[in-house]
């Protein structure tokens, strides 16, 4: 399955109320992790995620297909974490 490579690293997921998380139950089941939800219109409750999204958008516009991202570009992902 697509999520198997990260399963060992994911302990919890905090979802917002976006349409991209309509299948949150299946994601949580596949990763066997605890899930939490932010309050509607409270993106600051996921501050680290919102910060990372902003940094990523500097290099990868919303319309870009992430399947086209190279391995070298993907390895830079660790630089975003504190």
C-alpha atoms as a PDB file:
ATOM      1  CA  UNK A   1       0.000   0.000   0.000  1.00  0.00           C
ATOM      2  CA  UNK A   2       1.057   3.593  -0.587  1.00  0.00           C
ATOM      3  CA  UNK A   3       1.345   4.456   3.117  1.00  0.00           C
ATOM      4  CA  UNK A   4       3.335   1.384   4.200  1.00  0.00           C
ATOM      5  CA  UNK A   5       6.780   3.064   3.984  1.00  0.00           C
ATOM      6  CA  UNK A   6       5.797   5.695   6.572  1.00  0.00           C
ATOM      7  CA  UNK A   7       3.657   3.541   8.859  1.00  0.00           C
ATOM      8  CA  UNK A   8       6.433   2.990  11.425  1.00  0.00           C
ATOM      9  CA  UNK A   9       7.038   6.737  11.756  1.00  0.00           C
ATOM     10  CA  UNK A  10       3.468   8.019  12.140  1.00  0.00           C
ATOM     11  CA  UNK A  11       2.017   7.991  15.654  1.00  0.00           C
ATOM     12  CA  UNK A  12      -0.683  10.668  15.323  1.00  0.00           C
ATOM     13  CA  UNK A  13      -2.277  12.762  12.595  1.00  0.00           C
ATOM     14  CA  UNK A  14      -4.051  16.065  13.109  1.00  0.00           C
ATOM     15  CA  UNK A  15      -6.548  16.719  10.338  1.00  0.00           C
ATOM     16  CA  UNK A  16      -8.182  19.981   9.479  1.00  0.00           C
ATOM     17  CA  UNK A  17     -11.624  20.066   7.942  1.00  0.00           C
ATOM     18  CA  UNK A  18     -10.481  20.212   4.331  1.00  0.00           C
ATOM     19  CA  UNK A  19     -12.080  18.067   1.657  1.00  0.00           C
ATOM     20  CA  UNK A  20      -8.767  16.266   1.154  1.00  0.00           C
ATOM     21  CA  UNK A  21      -9.390  14.447   4.446  1.00  0.00           C
ATOM     22  CA  UNK A  22     -12.804  12.982   3.661  1.00  0.00           C
ATOM     23  CA  UNK A  23     -11.265   9.504   3.846  1.00  0.00           C
ATOM     24  CA  UNK A  24      -9.579  10.146   7.203  1.00  0.00           C
ATOM     25  CA  UNK A  25     -10.848   6.860   8.654  1.00  0.00           C
ATOM     26  CA  UNK A  26      -9.118   4.850   5.936  1.00  0.00           C
ATOM     27  CA  UNK A  27      -5.884   6.795   6.381  1.00  0.00           C
ATOM     28  CA  UNK A  28      -5.930   6.263  10.154  1.00  0.00           C
ATOM     29  CA  UNK A  29      -6.711   2.579   9.736  1.00  0.00           C
ATOM     30  CA  UNK A  30      -3.941   2.078   7.179  1.00  0.00           C
ATOM     31  CA  UNK A  31      -1.395   3.791   9.443  1.00  0.00           C
ATOM     32  CA  UNK A  32      -2.766   2.385  12.718  1.00  0.00           C
ATOM     33  CA  UNK A  33      -2.436   5.771  14.426  1.00  0.00           C
ATOM     34  CA  UNK A  34      -4.440   8.129  16.622  1.00  0.00           C
ATOM     35  CA  UNK A  35      -6.246  10.955  14.856  1.00  0.00           C
ATOM     36  CA  UNK A  36      -7.259  14.423  15.964  1.00  0.00           C
ATOM     37  CA  UNK A  37      -9.132  17.280  14.314  1.00  0.00           C
ATOM     38  CA  UNK A  38      -8.668  21.023  14.504  1.00  0.00           C
ATOM     39  CA  UNK A  39     -11.601  23.333  15.010  1.00  0.00           C
ATOM     40  CA  UNK A  40     -13.082  24.709  11.776  1.00  0.00           C
ATOM     41  CA  UNK A  41     -11.230  27.776  10.437  1.00  0.00           C
ATOM     42  CA  UNK A  42      -8.457  27.354  13.035  1.00  0.00           C
ATOM     43  CA  UNK A  43      -5.437  26.596  10.885  1.00  0.00           C
ATOM     44  CA  UNK A  44      -3.113  27.939  13.597  1.00  0.00           C
ATOM     45  CA  UNK A  45      -3.867  24.780  15.586  1.00  0.00           C
ATOM     46  CA  UNK A  46      -1.648  23.011  13.062  1.00  0.00           C
ATOM     47  CA  UNK A  47       1.095  25.643  13.133  1.00  0.00           C
ATOM     48  CA  UNK A  48       4.069  23.458  12.238  1.00  0.00           C
ATOM     49  CA  UNK A  49       2.159  21.985   9.320  1.00  0.00           C
ATOM     50  CA  UNK A  50       1.005  25.384   8.074  1.00  0.00           C
ATOM     51  CA  UNK A  51       4.584  26.678   8.271  1.00  0.00           C
ATOM     52  CA  UNK A  52       5.907  23.686   6.315  1.00  0.00           C
ATOM     53  CA  UNK A  53       3.173  24.113   3.701  1.00  0.00           C
ATOM     54  CA  UNK A  54       4.161  27.748   3.232  1.00  0.00           C
ATOM     55  CA  UNK A  55       7.822  26.837   2.784  1.00  0.00           C
ATOM     56  CA  UNK A  56       6.985  24.060   0.331  1.00  0.00           C
ATOM     57  CA  UNK A  57       4.755  26.362  -1.728  1.00  0.00           C
ATOM     58  CA  UNK A  58       7.770  28.611  -2.344  1.00  0.00           C
ATOM     59  CA  UNK A  59       9.244  25.828  -4.477  1.00  0.00           C
ATOM     60  CA  UNK A  60       6.224  23.769  -5.522  1.00  0.00           C
ATOM     61  CA  UNK A  61       3.173  25.755  -6.705  1.00  0.00           C
ATOM     62  CA  UNK A  62      -0.279  24.372  -5.871  1.00  0.00           C
ATOM     63  CA  UNK A  63      -0.992  23.349  -9.460  1.00  0.00           C
ATOM     64  CA  UNK A  64       2.227  21.317  -9.712  1.00  0.00           C
ATOM     65  CA  UNK A  65       1.927  17.541  -9.862  1.00  0.00           C
ATOM     66  CA  UNK A  66       4.078  16.266  -7.000  1.00  0.00           C
ATOM     67  CA  UNK A  67       4.604  13.000  -8.841  1.00  0.00           C
ATOM     68  CA  UNK A  68       7.043  15.020 -10.984  1.00  0.00           C
ATOM     69  CA  UNK A  69       9.262  15.901  -7.996  1.00  0.00           C
ATOM     70  CA  UNK A  70      12.674  14.280  -8.276  1.00  0.00           C
ATOM     71  CA  UNK A  71      14.371  12.309  -5.515  1.00  0.00           C
ATOM     72  CA  UNK A  72      16.946  15.106  -5.120  1.00  0.00           C
ATOM     73  CA  UNK A  73      14.182  17.664  -4.570  1.00  0.00           C
ATOM     74  CA  UNK A  74      12.442  15.335  -2.127  1.00  0.00           C
ATOM     75  CA  UNK A  75      15.604  14.894  -0.029  1.00  0.00           C
ATOM     76  CA  UNK A  76      15.487  18.607   0.769  1.00  0.00           C
ATOM     77  CA  UNK A  77      12.288  17.967   2.718  1.00  0.00           C
ATOM     78  CA  UNK A  78      14.195  17.354   5.970  1.00  0.00           C
ATOM     79  CA  UNK A  79      15.504  20.914   5.899  1.00  0.00           C
ATOM     80  CA  UNK A  80      12.025  22.201   6.733  1.00  0.00           C
ATOM     81  CA  UNK A  81      11.847  20.576  10.153  1.00  0.00           C
ATOM     82  CA  UNK A  82      13.061  22.402  13.248  1.00  0.00           C
END
